[in-house]
């Protein structure tokens, strides 16, 4: 008689610890992207609504490229809602983008 194993393997499912590490990694990469974009936008004399919207869009696109293309992660394969990883740390990153942009712009443009 053949013995069957009734337990599920962890290789088929993503563990909760791996998902938490991934979420933390994407959160902090997004914060770094916000700081980097803010410094670039502040050092160059970019201002106005077009650049505000452009900076926010660049932040989202750079984060998406990081997790979808570089890490090759599919949210649906990890049993996540669509857009979950794109939303991680979005508002703090945008706030950092604006703060660093304003500080850098003030330092470089108003000596």
N, C-alpha and C. Protein backbone atom coordinates (compact mmCIF):
# COMPACT_ATOMS: atom_id res chain seq x y z
N UNK A 1 0.84 -1.16 0.00
CA UNK A 1 0.00 0.00 0.00
C UNK A 1 0.89 1.24 0.00
N UNK A 2 0.53 2.19 -0.85
CA UNK A 2 1.32 3.40 -0.98
C UNK A 2 0.89 4.42 0.07
N UNK A 3 1.88 4.98 0.73
CA UNK A 3 1.62 5.96 1.77
C UNK A 3 1.59 7.36 1.15
N UNK A 4 0.52 8.11 1.39
CA UNK A 4 0.41 9.46 0.85
C UNK A 4 0.57 10.47 1.97
N UNK A 5 1.18 11.55 1.62
CA UNK A 5 1.40 12.62 2.59
C UNK A 5 0.26 13.63 2.45
N UNK A 6 -0.46 13.87 3.51
CA UNK A 6 -1.61 14.77 3.50
C UNK A 6 -1.25 16.21 3.82
N UNK A 7 -0.03 16.48 4.17
CA UNK A 7 0.36 17.85 4.52
C UNK A 7 0.70 18.62 3.25
N UNK A 8 0.47 19.90 3.29
CA UNK A 8 0.81 20.74 2.14
C UNK A 8 2.27 21.15 2.25
N UNK A 9 2.89 21.28 1.13
CA UNK A 9 4.29 21.68 1.12
C UNK A 9 4.40 23.18 1.13
N UNK A 10 5.42 23.67 1.79
CA UNK A 10 5.62 25.12 1.85
C UNK A 10 6.22 25.65 0.56
N UNK A 11 6.74 24.78 -0.29
CA UNK A 11 7.30 25.26 -1.55
C UNK A 11 6.20 25.70 -2.51
N UNK A 12 4.99 25.17 -2.34
CA UNK A 12 3.88 25.56 -3.20
C UNK A 12 3.28 26.90 -2.79
N UNK A 13 3.37 27.24 -1.55
CA UNK A 13 2.75 28.47 -1.06
C UNK A 13 3.83 29.39 -0.50
N UNK A 14 3.60 30.66 -0.66
CA UNK A 14 4.53 31.65 -0.14
C UNK A 14 4.29 31.79 1.36
N UNK A 15 5.35 31.68 2.12
CA UNK A 15 5.19 31.79 3.57
C UNK A 15 4.93 33.23 3.97
N UNK A 16 4.30 33.38 5.11
CA UNK A 16 3.97 34.71 5.61
C UNK A 16 5.22 35.54 5.88
N UNK A 17 6.28 34.90 6.35
CA UNK A 17 7.53 35.62 6.63
C UNK A 17 8.15 36.16 5.35
N UNK A 18 8.09 35.38 4.26
CA UNK A 18 8.64 35.85 2.99
C UNK A 18 7.86 37.03 2.46
N UNK A 19 6.53 36.99 2.61
CA UNK A 19 5.69 38.10 2.14
C UNK A 19 6.00 39.35 2.95
N UNK A 20 6.17 39.22 4.25
CA UNK A 20 6.48 40.36 5.11
C UNK A 20 7.83 40.97 4.73
N UNK A 21 8.82 40.12 4.49
CA UNK A 21 10.14 40.63 4.07
C UNK A 21 10.05 41.35 2.74
N UNK A 22 9.28 40.79 1.81
CA UNK A 22 9.11 41.42 0.51
C UNK A 22 8.43 42.78 0.65
N UNK A 23 7.38 42.84 1.45
CA UNK A 23 6.68 44.11 1.67
C UNK A 23 7.59 45.15 2.30
N UNK A 24 8.40 44.75 3.28
CA UNK A 24 9.35 45.66 3.90
C UNK A 24 10.38 46.16 2.88
N UNK A 25 10.87 45.25 2.06
CA UNK A 25 11.87 45.62 1.06
C UNK A 25 11.29 46.62 0.07
N UNK A 26 10.10 46.38 -0.42
CA UNK A 26 9.48 47.29 -1.39
C UNK A 26 9.18 48.63 -0.72
N UNK A 27 8.73 48.61 0.54
CA UNK A 27 8.45 49.85 1.27
C UNK A 27 9.69 50.72 1.32
N UNK A 28 10.82 50.16 1.73
CA UNK A 28 12.03 50.96 1.91
C UNK A 28 12.66 51.36 0.58
N UNK A 29 12.54 50.53 -0.44
CA UNK A 29 13.02 50.93 -1.77
C UNK A 29 12.20 52.11 -2.27
N UNK A 30 10.89 52.08 -2.03
CA UNK A 30 10.04 53.20 -2.45
C UNK A 30 10.44 54.48 -1.72
N UNK A 31 10.79 54.40 -0.44
CA UNK A 31 11.21 55.59 0.30
C UNK A 31 12.51 56.14 -0.29
N UNK A 32 13.43 55.24 -0.63
CA UNK A 32 14.69 55.67 -1.24
C UNK A 32 14.45 56.33 -2.59
N UNK A 33 13.52 55.79 -3.37
CA UNK A 33 13.18 56.39 -4.65
C UNK A 33 12.60 57.79 -4.45
N UNK A 34 11.75 57.95 -3.45
CA UNK A 34 11.18 59.27 -3.15
C UNK A 34 12.25 60.29 -2.79
N UNK A 35 13.21 59.88 -1.97
CA UNK A 35 14.31 60.79 -1.59
C UNK A 35 15.17 61.13 -2.81
N UNK A 36 15.50 60.13 -3.60
CA UNK A 36 16.33 60.35 -4.78
C UNK A 36 15.64 61.27 -5.79
N UNK A 37 14.37 61.02 -6.07
CA UNK A 37 13.64 61.88 -7.00
C UNK A 37 13.50 63.30 -6.45
N UNK A 38 13.25 63.42 -5.16
CA UNK A 38 13.14 64.75 -4.55
C UNK A 38 14.44 65.53 -4.66
N UNK A 39 15.56 64.86 -4.46
CA UNK A 39 16.86 65.52 -4.58
C UNK A 39 17.14 65.93 -6.02
N UNK A 40 16.80 65.08 -6.96
CA UNK A 40 17.01 65.41 -8.38
C UNK A 40 16.13 66.58 -8.80
N UNK A 41 14.85 66.52 -8.42
CA UNK A 41 13.93 67.59 -8.80
C UNK A 41 14.29 68.89 -8.11
N UNK A 42 14.80 68.83 -6.88
CA UNK A 42 15.17 70.04 -6.17
C UNK A 42 16.46 70.66 -6.68
N UNK A 43 17.41 69.83 -7.09
CA UNK A 43 18.69 70.34 -7.57
C UNK A 43 18.54 71.00 -8.94
N UNK A 44 17.63 70.51 -9.74
CA UNK A 44 17.33 71.16 -11.01
C UNK A 44 16.13 72.06 -10.77
N UNK A 45 16.08 73.20 -11.37
CA UNK A 45 14.99 74.13 -11.06
C UNK A 45 13.65 73.72 -11.67
N UNK A 46 13.12 72.61 -11.18
CA UNK A 46 11.83 72.13 -11.65
C UNK A 46 10.77 72.50 -10.62
N UNK A 47 9.71 73.12 -11.07
CA UNK A 47 8.61 73.44 -10.17
C UNK A 47 7.33 73.55 -10.99
N UNK A 48 6.21 73.44 -10.33
CA UNK A 48 4.92 73.53 -11.00
C UNK A 48 4.16 72.22 -10.92
N UNK A 49 2.89 72.30 -11.29
CA UNK A 49 1.99 71.15 -11.18
C UNK A 49 2.41 69.99 -12.07
N UNK A 50 2.97 70.31 -13.24
CA UNK A 50 3.38 69.25 -14.16
C UNK A 50 4.47 68.40 -13.52
N UNK A 51 5.42 69.03 -12.85
CA UNK A 51 6.51 68.29 -12.23
C UNK A 51 6.08 67.57 -10.96
N UNK A 52 5.10 68.12 -10.25
CA UNK A 52 4.55 67.43 -9.09
C UNK A 52 3.91 66.12 -9.52
N UNK A 53 3.05 66.20 -10.51
CA UNK A 53 2.39 65.00 -11.02
C UNK A 53 3.42 64.05 -11.64
N UNK A 54 4.37 64.59 -12.37
CA UNK A 54 5.42 63.77 -12.96
C UNK A 54 6.26 63.03 -11.94
N UNK A 55 6.58 63.71 -10.84
CA UNK A 55 7.36 63.07 -9.78
C UNK A 55 6.62 61.94 -9.11
N UNK A 56 5.34 62.13 -8.86
CA UNK A 56 4.53 61.08 -8.24
C UNK A 56 4.41 59.88 -9.19
N UNK A 57 4.18 60.17 -10.47
CA UNK A 57 4.08 59.09 -11.45
C UNK A 57 5.41 58.34 -11.58
N UNK A 58 6.52 59.08 -11.62
CA UNK A 58 7.84 58.43 -11.68
C UNK A 58 8.09 57.54 -10.47
N UNK A 59 7.63 57.98 -9.31
CA UNK A 59 7.77 57.18 -8.10
C UNK A 59 7.03 55.85 -8.24
N UNK A 60 5.80 55.90 -8.70
CA UNK A 60 5.03 54.67 -8.90
C UNK A 60 5.65 53.77 -9.96
N UNK A 61 6.06 54.37 -11.07
CA UNK A 61 6.63 53.58 -12.17
C UNK A 61 7.94 52.93 -11.74
N UNK A 62 8.80 53.67 -11.06
CA UNK A 62 10.08 53.10 -10.61
C UNK A 62 9.86 51.96 -9.63
N UNK A 63 8.90 52.10 -8.74
CA UNK A 63 8.61 51.01 -7.80
C UNK A 63 8.05 49.81 -8.53
N UNK A 64 7.16 50.03 -9.48
CA UNK A 64 6.60 48.92 -10.25
C UNK A 64 7.69 48.19 -11.04
N UNK A 65 8.58 48.96 -11.67
CA UNK A 65 9.68 48.33 -12.41
C UNK A 65 10.53 47.49 -11.46
N UNK A 66 10.74 47.99 -10.25
CA UNK A 66 11.57 47.25 -9.29
C UNK A 66 10.95 45.90 -8.95
N UNK A 67 9.68 45.89 -8.55
CA UNK A 67 9.14 44.61 -8.10
C UNK A 67 8.60 43.73 -9.23
N UNK A 68 8.13 44.32 -10.31
CA UNK A 68 7.57 43.50 -11.38
C UNK A 68 8.61 43.01 -12.37
N UNK A 69 9.60 43.84 -12.65
CA UNK A 69 10.59 43.48 -13.66
C UNK A 69 11.90 42.98 -13.06
N UNK A 70 12.42 43.69 -12.06
CA UNK A 70 13.71 43.29 -11.49
C UNK A 70 13.56 42.07 -10.59
N UNK A 71 12.60 42.13 -9.65
CA UNK A 71 12.37 40.99 -8.76
C UNK A 71 11.50 39.92 -9.40
N UNK A 72 10.83 40.24 -10.50
CA UNK A 72 9.96 39.31 -11.23
C UNK A 72 8.89 38.71 -10.31
N UNK A 73 8.13 39.59 -9.67
CA UNK A 73 7.09 39.17 -8.74
C UNK A 73 5.73 39.43 -9.36
N UNK A 74 4.87 38.43 -9.28
CA UNK A 74 3.49 38.57 -9.72
C UNK A 74 2.60 38.50 -8.48
N UNK A 75 1.84 39.56 -8.26
CA UNK A 75 1.01 39.64 -7.06
C UNK A 75 -0.04 38.53 -7.02
N UNK A 76 -0.56 38.16 -8.16
CA UNK A 76 -1.59 37.13 -8.19
C UNK A 76 -1.03 35.76 -7.82
N UNK A 77 0.21 35.50 -8.18
CA UNK A 77 0.84 34.24 -7.80
C UNK A 77 1.07 34.15 -6.29
N UNK A 78 1.19 35.31 -5.63
CA UNK A 78 1.43 35.34 -4.20
C UNK A 78 0.13 35.50 -3.41
N UNK A 79 -0.99 35.33 -4.07
CA UNK A 79 -2.32 35.45 -3.44
C UNK A 79 -2.53 36.82 -2.82
N UNK A 80 -2.10 37.86 -3.50
CA UNK A 80 -2.30 39.24 -3.05
C UNK A 80 -3.30 39.91 -3.96
N UNK A 81 -3.92 40.95 -3.44
CA UNK A 81 -4.81 41.74 -4.27
C UNK A 81 -3.99 42.48 -5.32
N UNK A 82 -4.57 42.71 -6.46
CA UNK A 82 -3.89 43.46 -7.51
C UNK A 82 -3.65 44.88 -7.03
N UNK A 83 -2.42 45.35 -7.15
CA UNK A 83 -2.07 46.69 -6.74
C UNK A 83 -1.61 46.80 -5.30
N UNK A 84 -1.58 45.70 -4.57
CA UNK A 84 -1.17 45.75 -3.16
C UNK A 84 0.27 46.24 -3.02
N UNK A 85 1.16 45.68 -3.80
CA UNK A 85 2.57 46.08 -3.69
C UNK A 85 2.79 47.50 -4.21
N UNK A 86 1.97 47.93 -5.15
CA UNK A 86 2.10 49.29 -5.67
C UNK A 86 1.69 50.33 -4.64
N UNK A 87 0.87 49.95 -3.67
CA UNK A 87 0.39 50.89 -2.67
C UNK A 87 1.27 50.95 -1.43
N UNK A 88 2.17 50.00 -1.27
CA UNK A 88 2.99 49.96 -0.05
C UNK A 88 3.86 51.20 0.08
N UNK A 89 3.65 51.96 1.13
CA UNK A 89 4.48 53.12 1.42
C UNK A 89 4.33 54.26 0.44
N UNK A 90 3.21 54.32 -0.28
CA UNK A 90 3.06 55.34 -1.31
C UNK A 90 2.99 56.74 -0.71
N UNK A 91 2.15 56.95 0.28
CA UNK A 91 1.99 58.30 0.83
C UNK A 91 3.24 58.78 1.57
N UNK A 92 3.89 57.96 2.40
CA UNK A 92 5.14 58.43 3.01
C UNK A 92 6.22 58.75 1.98
N UNK A 93 6.25 57.99 0.90
CA UNK A 93 7.23 58.24 -0.14
C UNK A 93 6.97 59.56 -0.85
N UNK A 94 5.70 59.85 -1.12
CA UNK A 94 5.35 61.12 -1.75
C UNK A 94 5.67 62.28 -0.81
N UNK A 95 5.42 62.09 0.49
CA UNK A 95 5.75 63.13 1.46
C UNK A 95 7.27 63.36 1.50
N UNK A 96 8.05 62.29 1.51
CA UNK A 96 9.51 62.44 1.47
C UNK A 96 9.95 63.13 0.19
N UNK A 97 9.35 62.78 -0.92
CA UNK A 97 9.65 63.41 -2.19
C UNK A 97 9.47 64.92 -2.10
N UNK A 98 8.33 65.36 -1.56
CA UNK A 98 8.07 66.79 -1.45
C UNK A 98 9.02 67.49 -0.47
N UNK A 99 9.26 66.88 0.67
CA UNK A 99 10.13 67.50 1.68
C UNK A 99 11.55 67.65 1.14
N UNK A 100 12.09 66.58 0.56
CA UNK A 100 13.46 66.64 0.03
C UNK A 100 13.53 67.60 -1.15
N UNK A 101 12.50 67.61 -1.97
CA UNK A 101 12.45 68.54 -3.10
C UNK A 101 12.49 69.98 -2.61
N UNK A 102 11.68 70.31 -1.64
CA UNK A 102 11.62 71.68 -1.12
C UNK A 102 12.94 72.07 -0.46
N UNK A 103 13.49 71.19 0.35
CA UNK A 103 14.75 71.49 1.04
C UNK A 103 15.89 71.68 0.03
N UNK A 104 16.01 70.75 -0.91
CA UNK A 104 17.07 70.83 -1.91
C UNK A 104 16.90 72.06 -2.79
N UNK A 105 15.68 72.33 -3.20
CA UNK A 105 15.41 73.52 -4.03
C UNK A 105 15.76 74.79 -3.28
N UNK A 106 15.39 74.85 -2.00
CA UNK A 106 15.69 76.03 -1.20
C UNK A 106 17.18 76.24 -1.01
N UNK A 107 17.91 75.18 -0.81
CA UNK A 107 19.36 75.28 -0.62
C UNK A 107 20.07 75.66 -1.90
N UNK A 108 19.68 75.04 -3.01
CA UNK A 108 20.42 75.26 -4.26
C UNK A 108 19.98 76.50 -5.03
N UNK A 109 18.76 76.91 -4.90
CA UNK A 109 18.25 78.03 -5.70
C UNK A 109 18.23 79.37 -4.96
N UNK A 110 18.28 79.31 -3.64
CA UNK A 110 18.27 80.54 -2.84
C UNK A 110 19.48 80.60 -1.92
N UNK A 111 20.66 80.95 -2.47
CA UNK A 111 21.88 80.94 -1.64
C UNK A 111 21.91 82.04 -0.58
